[in-house]
Every structure is written in structure tokens, then in C-alpha cells.
Protein backbone atom coordinates (compact mmCIF):
# COMPACT_ATOMS: atom_id res chain seq x y z
CA UNK A 1 -0.08 -0.15 0.20
CA UNK A 2 3.12 2.19 1.00
CA UNK A 3 4.70 1.41 -2.24
CA UNK A 4 1.47 2.37 -4.28
CA UNK A 5 1.12 5.67 -2.47
CA UNK A 6 4.18 6.69 -3.31
CA UNK A 7 3.65 5.50 -7.19
CA UNK A 8 0.90 8.11 -7.10
CA UNK A 9 2.19 11.13 -5.31
CA UNK A 10 5.01 10.62 -7.19
CA UNK A 11 2.61 10.65 -10.68
CA UNK A 12 0.53 13.29 -9.03
CA UNK A 13 4.08 15.57 -9.01
CA UNK A 14 4.83 14.94 -12.32
CA UNK A 15 1.12 15.48 -14.07
CA UNK A 16 0.14 18.51 -11.64
CA UNK A 17 2.70 21.23 -12.87
CA UNK A 18 1.87 20.39 -16.74
CA UNK A 19 -1.43 21.12 -16.01
CA UNK A 20 -0.69 23.69 -13.74
CA UNK A 21 1.53 25.61 -16.76
CA UNK A 22 -0.99 25.07 -19.45
CA UNK A 23 -0.97 28.44 -20.57
CA UNK A 24 -4.71 27.79 -22.83
CA UNK A 25 -6.32 25.01 -20.28
CA UNK A 26 -9.95 25.12 -22.80
CA UNK A 27 -7.94 24.58 -25.44
CA UNK A 28 -7.79 20.93 -27.00
CA UNK A 29 -3.91 19.87 -28.02
CA UNK A 30 -3.45 21.38 -32.09
CA UNK A 31 -2.18 23.19 -34.43
CA UNK A 32 -3.29 26.67 -33.30
CA UNK A 33 -2.96 26.24 -30.25
CA UNK A 34 1.13 24.95 -30.37
CA UNK A 35 1.65 27.74 -32.81
CA UNK A 36 -0.21 30.18 -29.90
CA UNK A 37 2.50 29.25 -27.84
CA UNK A 38 4.99 28.87 -29.91
CA UNK A 39 4.56 32.64 -31.21
CA UNK A 40 4.16 34.22 -27.58
CA UNK A 41 7.56 32.80 -26.58
CA UNK A 42 9.54 33.97 -30.09
CA UNK A 43 8.60 37.41 -29.67
CA UNK A 44 8.99 37.42 -26.23
CA UNK A 45 12.34 35.68 -25.71
CA UNK A 46 15.13 38.60 -25.69
CA UNK A 47 16.85 36.19 -27.81
CA UNK A 48 14.71 35.22 -30.50
CA UNK A 49 14.86 36.54 -33.78
CA UNK A 50 11.33 37.29 -33.37
CA UNK A 51 11.35 39.31 -30.57
CA UNK A 52 9.20 42.37 -29.95
CA UNK A 53 9.34 45.37 -27.79
CA UNK A 54 6.53 45.55 -25.08
CA UNK A 55 5.41 48.56 -26.63
CA UNK A 56 4.74 47.05 -30.10
CA UNK A 57 3.05 43.76 -28.68
CA UNK A 58 -0.12 44.95 -29.71
CA UNK A 59 -3.05 42.21 -30.05
CA UNK A 60 -6.68 42.94 -31.61
CA UNK A 61 -9.69 41.52 -31.78
CA UNK A 62 -13.35 40.79 -33.06
CA UNK A 63 -16.03 41.03 -30.88
CA UNK A 64 -19.37 39.59 -32.46
CA UNK A 65 -18.48 36.01 -33.04
CA UNK A 66 -15.27 36.09 -32.08
CA UNK A 67 -15.46 36.79 -28.45
CA UNK A 68 -18.92 36.19 -27.43
CA UNK A 69 -22.18 34.51 -29.30
CA UNK A 70 -24.00 36.43 -32.28
CA UNK A 71 -26.83 34.39 -32.59
CA UNK A 72 -29.39 34.90 -33.04
CA UNK A 73 -28.79 38.10 -33.84
CA UNK A 74 -26.05 41.11 -32.78
CA UNK A 75 -26.69 41.69 -29.30
CA UNK A 76 -26.15 45.10 -29.79
CA UNK A 77 -29.56 44.73 -32.22
CA UNK A 78 -31.21 43.08 -29.57
CA UNK A 79 -30.48 46.39 -26.89
CA UNK A 80 -32.49 48.22 -30.50
CA UNK A 81 -35.24 46.34 -30.55
CA UNK A 82 -35.77 46.20 -26.38
CA UNK A 83 -35.59 50.20 -26.40
CA UNK A 84 -37.87 50.64 -28.78
CA UNK A 85 -40.48 48.88 -26.72
CA UNK A 86 -39.40 50.52 -23.20
CA UNK A 87 -39.86 54.28 -25.74
CA UNK A 88 -42.90 53.38 -27.24
CA UNK A 89 -45.41 54.42 -24.80
CA UNK A 90 -44.02 57.76 -25.48
CA UNK A 91 -44.37 57.56 -29.54
CA UNK A 92 -47.80 55.98 -30.30
CA UNK A 93 -46.43 56.61 -33.71
CA UNK A 94 -44.54 54.05 -34.16
CA UNK A 95 -48.14 51.44 -33.70
CA UNK A 96 -48.33 51.81 -37.22
CA UNK A 97 -44.91 53.33 -38.52
CA UNK A 98 -42.00 50.78 -40.16
CA UNK A 99 -39.77 49.65 -39.02
CA UNK A 100 -40.65 50.68 -35.67
CA UNK A 101 -44.09 48.59 -35.96
CA UNK A 102 -42.20 45.37 -37.00
CA UNK A 103 -39.96 45.36 -34.09
CA UNK A 104 -43.83 45.80 -31.80
CA UNK A 105 -46.00 43.30 -33.09
CA UNK A 106 -42.64 41.02 -33.77
CA UNK A 107 -42.74 40.78 -36.93
CA UNK A 108 -39.50 39.53 -37.88
CA UNK A 109 -39.95 39.50 -41.46
CA UNK A 110 -41.27 42.91 -42.11
CA UNK A 111 -38.28 43.81 -39.59
CA UNK A 112 -35.86 41.98 -42.44
CA UNK A 113 -37.71 43.66 -45.41
CA UNK A 114 -37.02 47.18 -44.25
CA UNK A 115 -33.39 46.59 -44.97
CA UNK A 116 -30.30 48.21 -43.36
CA UNK A 117 -32.69 51.44 -44.20
CA UNK A 118 -34.91 50.38 -41.55
CA UNK A 119 -32.28 48.79 -38.96
CA UNK A 120 -30.81 52.33 -38.75
CA UNK A 121 -34.09 54.00 -38.12
CA UNK A 122 -34.07 51.96 -35.31
CA UNK A 123 -30.52 52.43 -33.95
CA UNK A 124 -30.69 56.21 -34.75
CA UNK A 125 -33.89 56.68 -32.50
CA UNK A 126 -32.86 54.30 -29.56
CA UNK A 127 -29.07 55.35 -29.68
CA UNK A 128 -29.28 58.91 -30.31
CA UNK A 129 -31.01 62.25 -28.22
CA UNK A 130 -29.37 61.79 -24.68
CA UNK A 131 -25.84 62.01 -23.47
CA UNK A 132 -23.30 59.73 -23.62
CA UNK A 133 -23.31 59.51 -19.63
CA UNK A 134 -27.37 58.49 -19.76
CA UNK A 135 -26.82 56.15 -22.53
CA UNK A 136 -23.86 54.57 -20.67
CA UNK A 137 -26.69 54.19 -17.69
CA UNK A 138 -28.94 52.46 -19.84
CA UNK A 139 -26.24 49.80 -21.36
CA UNK A 140 -25.38 49.45 -17.88
CA UNK A 141 -28.96 48.35 -16.53
CA UNK A 142 -29.61 46.49 -19.57
CA UNK A 143 -26.74 44.21 -19.54
CA UNK A 144 -27.51 43.82 -16.06
CA UNK A 145 -30.45 41.93 -16.79
CA UNK A 146 -30.78 41.15 -20.16
CA UNK A 147 -30.50 37.05 -21.40
CA UNK A 148 -30.02 35.39 -24.14
CA UNK A 149 -33.33 34.34 -26.30
CA UNK A 150 -32.32 30.81 -27.21
CA UNK A 151 -34.12 28.32 -25.30
CA UNK A 152 -31.02 26.40 -24.40
CA UNK A 153 -29.46 29.53 -22.83
CA UNK A 154 -32.27 30.99 -21.73
CA UNK A 155 -31.26 31.37 -18.14
CA UNK A 156 -28.10 33.07 -18.81
CA UNK A 157 -27.18 36.79 -18.99
CA UNK A 158 -24.97 38.06 -22.43
CA UNK A 159 -22.20 38.36 -20.61
CA UNK A 160 -22.05 34.73 -19.47
CA UNK A 161 -22.17 33.87 -23.57
CA UNK A 162 -18.66 34.72 -23.81
CA UNK A 163 -15.96 32.38 -25.01
CA UNK A 164 -14.09 31.01 -22.15
CA UNK A 165 -10.61 30.00 -24.34
CA UNK A 166 -10.72 33.60 -25.89
CA UNK A 167 -10.26 34.76 -22.18
CA UNK A 168 -7.70 32.75 -21.31
CA UNK A 169 -5.66 34.01 -24.57
CA UNK A 170 -6.23 37.11 -23.79
CA UNK A 171 -5.17 36.68 -19.94
CA UNK A 172 -1.94 34.55 -21.74
CA UNK A 173 -1.24 37.67 -23.80
CA UNK A 174 -1.67 40.19 -21.11
CA UNK A 175 0.24 38.05 -19.29
CA UNK A 176 3.39 38.60 -21.53
CA UNK A 177 3.05 42.23 -21.54
CA UNK A 178 0.82 42.50 -24.58
CA UNK A 179 -1.95 45.48 -24.89
CA UNK A 180 -4.85 43.96 -25.64
CA UNK A 181 -7.82 45.76 -27.74
CA UNK A 182 -11.37 44.76 -29.55
CA UNK A 183 -11.95 46.28 -32.99
CA UNK A 184 -15.38 45.55 -33.18
CA UNK A 185 -18.10 46.79 -35.90
CA UNK A 186 -20.17 46.97 -32.89
CA UNK A 187 -20.87 50.34 -31.04
CA UNK A 188 -17.85 51.87 -29.30
CA UNK A 189 -20.32 53.34 -25.97
CA UNK A 190 -22.62 50.35 -26.42
CA UNK A 191 -19.18 48.02 -25.41
CA UNK A 192 -17.50 50.44 -23.26
CA UNK A 193 -19.48 50.35 -20.37
CA UNK A 194 -18.62 46.49 -19.30
CA UNK A 195 -15.53 45.50 -21.59
CA UNK A 196 -13.37 46.17 -18.81
CA UNK A 197 -15.81 43.89 -16.21
CA UNK A 198 -16.59 41.13 -18.61
CA UNK A 199 -12.72 41.11 -20.63
CA UNK A 200 -10.41 42.62 -18.88
CA UNK A 201 -9.79 45.17 -21.83
CA UNK A 202 -10.48 48.95 -20.84
CA UNK A 203 -12.39 51.77 -22.31
CA UNK A 204 -9.54 53.14 -23.93
CA UNK A 205 -8.56 49.96 -25.47
CA UNK A 206 -12.11 49.38 -26.93
CA UNK A 207 -12.33 50.93 -31.20
CA UNK A 208 -15.86 50.51 -32.58
CA UNK A 209 -18.21 52.33 -34.77
CA UNK A 210 -19.31 55.05 -33.52
CA UNK A 211 -22.51 58.43 -34.45
CA UNK A 212 -21.44 62.05 -34.35
CA UNK A 213 -21.79 63.52 -30.86
CA UNK A 214 -21.96 67.57 -29.98
CA UNK A 215 -20.49 69.52 -27.07
CA UNK A 216 -23.32 71.41 -24.89
CA UNK A 217 -23.79 72.22 -21.27
CA UNK A 218 -26.83 71.34 -19.04
CA UNK A 219 -27.92 73.88 -16.44
CA UNK A 220 -24.24 75.01 -16.62
CA UNK A 221 -22.64 71.42 -16.55
CA UNK A 222 -20.90 70.59 -20.08
CA UNK A 223 -22.20 67.65 -21.33
CA UNK A 224 -21.84 65.44 -24.85
CA UNK A 225 -25.21 64.76 -26.58
CA UNK A 226 -25.11 62.02 -29.08
CA UNK A 227 -26.81 62.65 -32.43
CA UNK A 228 -28.48 60.25 -35.36
CA UNK A 229 -25.66 60.55 -37.41
CA UNK A 230 -23.11 57.77 -38.08
CA UNK A 231 -19.82 59.37 -37.86
CA UNK A 232 -17.73 55.63 -38.63
CA UNK A 233 -18.13 52.70 -38.97
CA UNK A 234 -15.18 50.22 -37.70
CA UNK A 235 -15.65 47.16 -40.02
CA UNK A 236 -14.21 45.48 -43.28
CA UNK A 237 -12.03 48.52 -44.43
CA UNK A 238 -13.13 50.67 -41.69
CA UNK A 239 -11.23 48.17 -39.35
CA UNK A 240 -7.42 48.81 -40.48
CA UNK A 241 -8.54 52.94 -40.13
CA UNK A 242 -10.15 52.87 -37.08
CA UNK A 243 -6.31 50.78 -35.61
CA UNK A 244 -4.86 53.34 -37.14
CA UNK A 245 -6.58 56.24 -35.78
CA UNK A 246 -7.27 54.99 -32.02
CA UNK A 247 -3.91 52.50 -31.63
CA UNK A 248 -1.22 54.02 -33.92
CA UNK A 249 0.77 50.74 -34.65
CA UNK A 250 -0.53 47.26 -36.58
CA UNK A 251 -1.10 44.53 -34.61
CA UNK A 252 1.31 41.65 -34.68
CA UNK A 253 -1.83 39.31 -33.49
CA UNK A 254 -5.88 39.76 -34.43
CA UNK A 255 -8.54 37.26 -34.17
CA UNK A 256 -12.01 38.01 -36.02
CA UNK A 257 -14.10 35.76 -37.36
CA UNK A 258 -15.63 36.53 -40.62
CA UNK A 259 -15.59 38.75 -43.75
CA UNK A 260 -15.98 41.82 -41.67
CA UNK A 261 -12.68 40.63 -39.74
CA UNK A 262 -10.20 39.89 -43.37
CA UNK A 263 -9.13 43.18 -43.75
CA UNK A 264 -8.08 43.50 -40.07
CA UNK A 265 -6.06 40.41 -39.88
CA UNK A 266 -4.48 41.54 -43.41
CA UNK A 267 -3.63 44.79 -41.83
CA UNK A 268 -2.34 42.83 -39.29
CA UNK A 269 0.09 40.29 -40.86
CA UNK A 270 1.57 43.48 -43.34
CA UNK A 271 3.47 44.56 -39.96
CA UNK A 272 7.00 43.79 -40.01
CA UNK A 273 8.28 40.57 -38.14
CA UNK A 274 6.43 37.93 -36.81
CA UNK A 275 2.79 38.03 -36.70
CA UNK A 276 -0.46 35.44 -35.55
CA UNK A 277 -3.49 35.63 -37.08
CA UNK A 278 -6.18 33.31 -36.71
CA UNK A 279 -10.54 33.11 -37.43
CA UNK A 280 -13.12 31.43 -35.34
CA UNK A 281 -15.29 29.05 -36.94
CA UNK A 282 -18.61 28.21 -35.06
CA UNK A 283 -19.13 24.48 -36.02
CA UNK A 284 -20.41 23.20 -33.10
CA UNK A 285 -24.39 23.36 -32.95
CA UNK A 286 -25.05 21.50 -30.25
CA UNK A 287 -23.01 23.67 -27.05
CA UNK A 288 -23.48 26.78 -29.33
CA UNK A 289 -24.04 27.43 -33.03
CA UNK A 290 -23.20 26.42 -36.43
CA UNK A 291 -23.09 28.64 -39.34
CA UNK A 292 -20.57 29.66 -42.25
CA UNK A 293 -21.41 31.07 -45.93
CA UNK A 294 -25.02 31.58 -45.60
CA UNK A 295 -25.46 32.92 -42.48
CA UNK A 296 -26.37 37.04 -42.63
CA UNK A 297 -24.97 37.17 -39.11
CA UNK A 298 -21.08 36.75 -38.79
CA UNK A 299 -21.04 35.21 -42.58
CA UNK A 300 -17.91 32.60 -43.02
CA UNK A 301 -17.86 32.68 -46.61
CA UNK A 302 -16.08 30.26 -48.68
CA UNK A 303 -13.61 33.17 -49.70
CA UNK A 304 -12.91 33.76 -46.78
CA UNK A 305 -12.00 29.99 -45.93
CA UNK A 306 -9.51 30.14 -49.34
CA UNK A 307 -8.08 33.59 -48.24
CA UNK A 308 -7.31 31.82 -44.60
CA UNK A 309 -5.46 28.84 -46.37
CA UNK A 310 -3.53 30.88 -48.92
CA UNK A 311 -2.68 33.53 -46.15
CA UNK A 312 -1.28 31.14 -43.31
CA UNK A 313 -4.56 32.60 -40.72
CA UNK A 314 -5.09 29.61 -37.94
CA UNK A 315 -9.01 28.73 -38.37
CA UNK A 316 -10.00 27.62 -34.77
CA UNK A 317 -12.59 24.70 -35.09
CA UNK A 318 -14.68 25.53 -32.32
CA UNK A 319 -16.30 21.52 -32.25
CA UNK A 320 -12.62 20.22 -32.18
CA UNK A 321 -10.43 22.78 -31.18
CA UNK A 322 -12.44 23.82 -27.72
CA UNK A 323 -12.66 21.47 -24.55
CA UNK A 324 -15.48 24.17 -23.97
CA UNK A 325 -17.05 26.97 -24.63
CA UNK A 326 -18.64 29.30 -22.05
CA UNK A 327 -17.38 30.18 -18.69
CA UNK A 328 -18.65 27.12 -15.93
CA UNK A 329 -19.07 24.29 -18.43
């Protein structure tokens, strides 16, 4: 018995440090996990020809579909639809005016028929005409209680639909002196109130789409008022522009999940020295969702897959590369 316990102790002593030293425990062993670890080791080793100075260790991540689930539709759009219903008593005309009527009637077909123009009308009505501080409070209140509409996850807040493997990756990068940024097509002021709490990404490290604001006074107190005018769209070709304006340096690591992220990954790969790019491919219909070229949300086209193959970008297969998807699984 004593011999058995001694053998068991030795085995545990050998295995435990390996498990504890794994910086990405929710990732299955595979080429992507190995490549990430090798990349980080290489750019942080002062004796490596690929060494990158701390101030140049920039990593950018898309948000929707890359850091949290974007199905059944973008979270910010769900927020806007909820806002229409909350604001409706003050707008009786919405009962007969599209696209607001479609929202109030839960008529998804009519809402989709309104197209981009209709969605922009909804965003303008629900996101503007208030101070930046008031909008931040509204977002915080909504995020604290809004839950995923899919019945499989109906008890989960949207902030609980984040991807555990990506949380680990961001923590791993920060532990190696990377600056981590979110570069998303979502609204910058929709994300900023909660990204630090959920991802550990501070307000100043969030790059996103924005509407115009104007400087004004309220009883002598300075304020910024949100206007119903688009200022910047941080998607597709807009992402490198946003990175240049907000960060001023090319990221040496970038992750996305859809056609809207292609240009960001190209921009990252054009940085001097060693770089790494990755795409999250949603392939797990049981634990999350499976979708690709035919999806209107988070489109992962065949052209993007071909671009990834020809460029050496890593495609993360959610079903096979991740042990768990959400925290506490």
C-alpha cells in the first residue's frame, strides 16, 4: 500500500505542474494552440530573432462571434429592439410606422424587409438624443439583466455567453506584456461600459463604430449629446482605419470570425516581423451554433476560408479545438 501511494504521489507530482503550466487549458491540443504558444514564446524571448519590444506587442480582437456569441442576432441589435418597446409609450406613431411597427408586433419578416435603412432608423431612434452618460447608464442597466433568447441558454446573461478559450488567450497575452484591444463593428459606446468587467479590456482599448456627438451644456454643466448621424463604421476596410486612428500601430496578433474581419487580419499580417492571425469558425451546433457562408450574421464565406488557407491564418474549429465554450461549463 505504501508503495502504491508513493507511485501515485510521484505521478501527481509530474502531471500537476504540466496542467498548472498550461496557459490555455480550455483549448484542445492541436496546431493552433501550439502555434499560439510558440508565437508568444518567440516574440517575448529577448534572445529570439523574432523578439518584439513590449511597446509593440499589440493584439486586436473582434467582439461579436469572436469573443462572445452573436446568434440569433447581434446583441446590440437586440438591445435596440428592446429599447423600441421601452420607448414606445412616448411614440404612439410607432404603432403604425415601419420599421417600429414590426418590432412592436414581433414581426421578424417585416423587420428584415425594412433592410439596412430600417435598422439604421431603429439605431438612430434608440441610440441618439441623449447624453453620453445617460446612454452608458442605459446600456449598463440592460446588460445587467438581458438574457440570451435561445431557449437552450435562456437563463444566461449575454455577458455569460463569452468564450472561455478566448478569455484565456487574452489573459495569456496580457501576462506576456501584450496590449489587448477590441476592434469591433459594434458601437464603441455600447461596448465600453462593460468590456473591462467582462474581458479585462479597459475603455481606452475599445475601437468600434460610432455616431456623432456634440458639445453642449446642461444647467451650466458640460455634456456630450449623441446625434442621429453616423460618424464611423468600424467594419471591413474600416477596421485598419480604426486601428490606425485609435492605436497608431499595427497589431502583431489579430483574431476575428467573419468576412468583416478580413482586412484587419491583412493589416496585422503586413506588420514587420513575426505575426499571427486567427479566425473562429462556428462549427458546434450542440454547444453553441454552427454557421458559415449562408449566415447573414457573422458570414464566414468560402472566399474567406480560401484567403485563410493561402495566407497561413489559423482557423479555430470550435467543435474540435475547444474543450469548453462558455465559462463554468
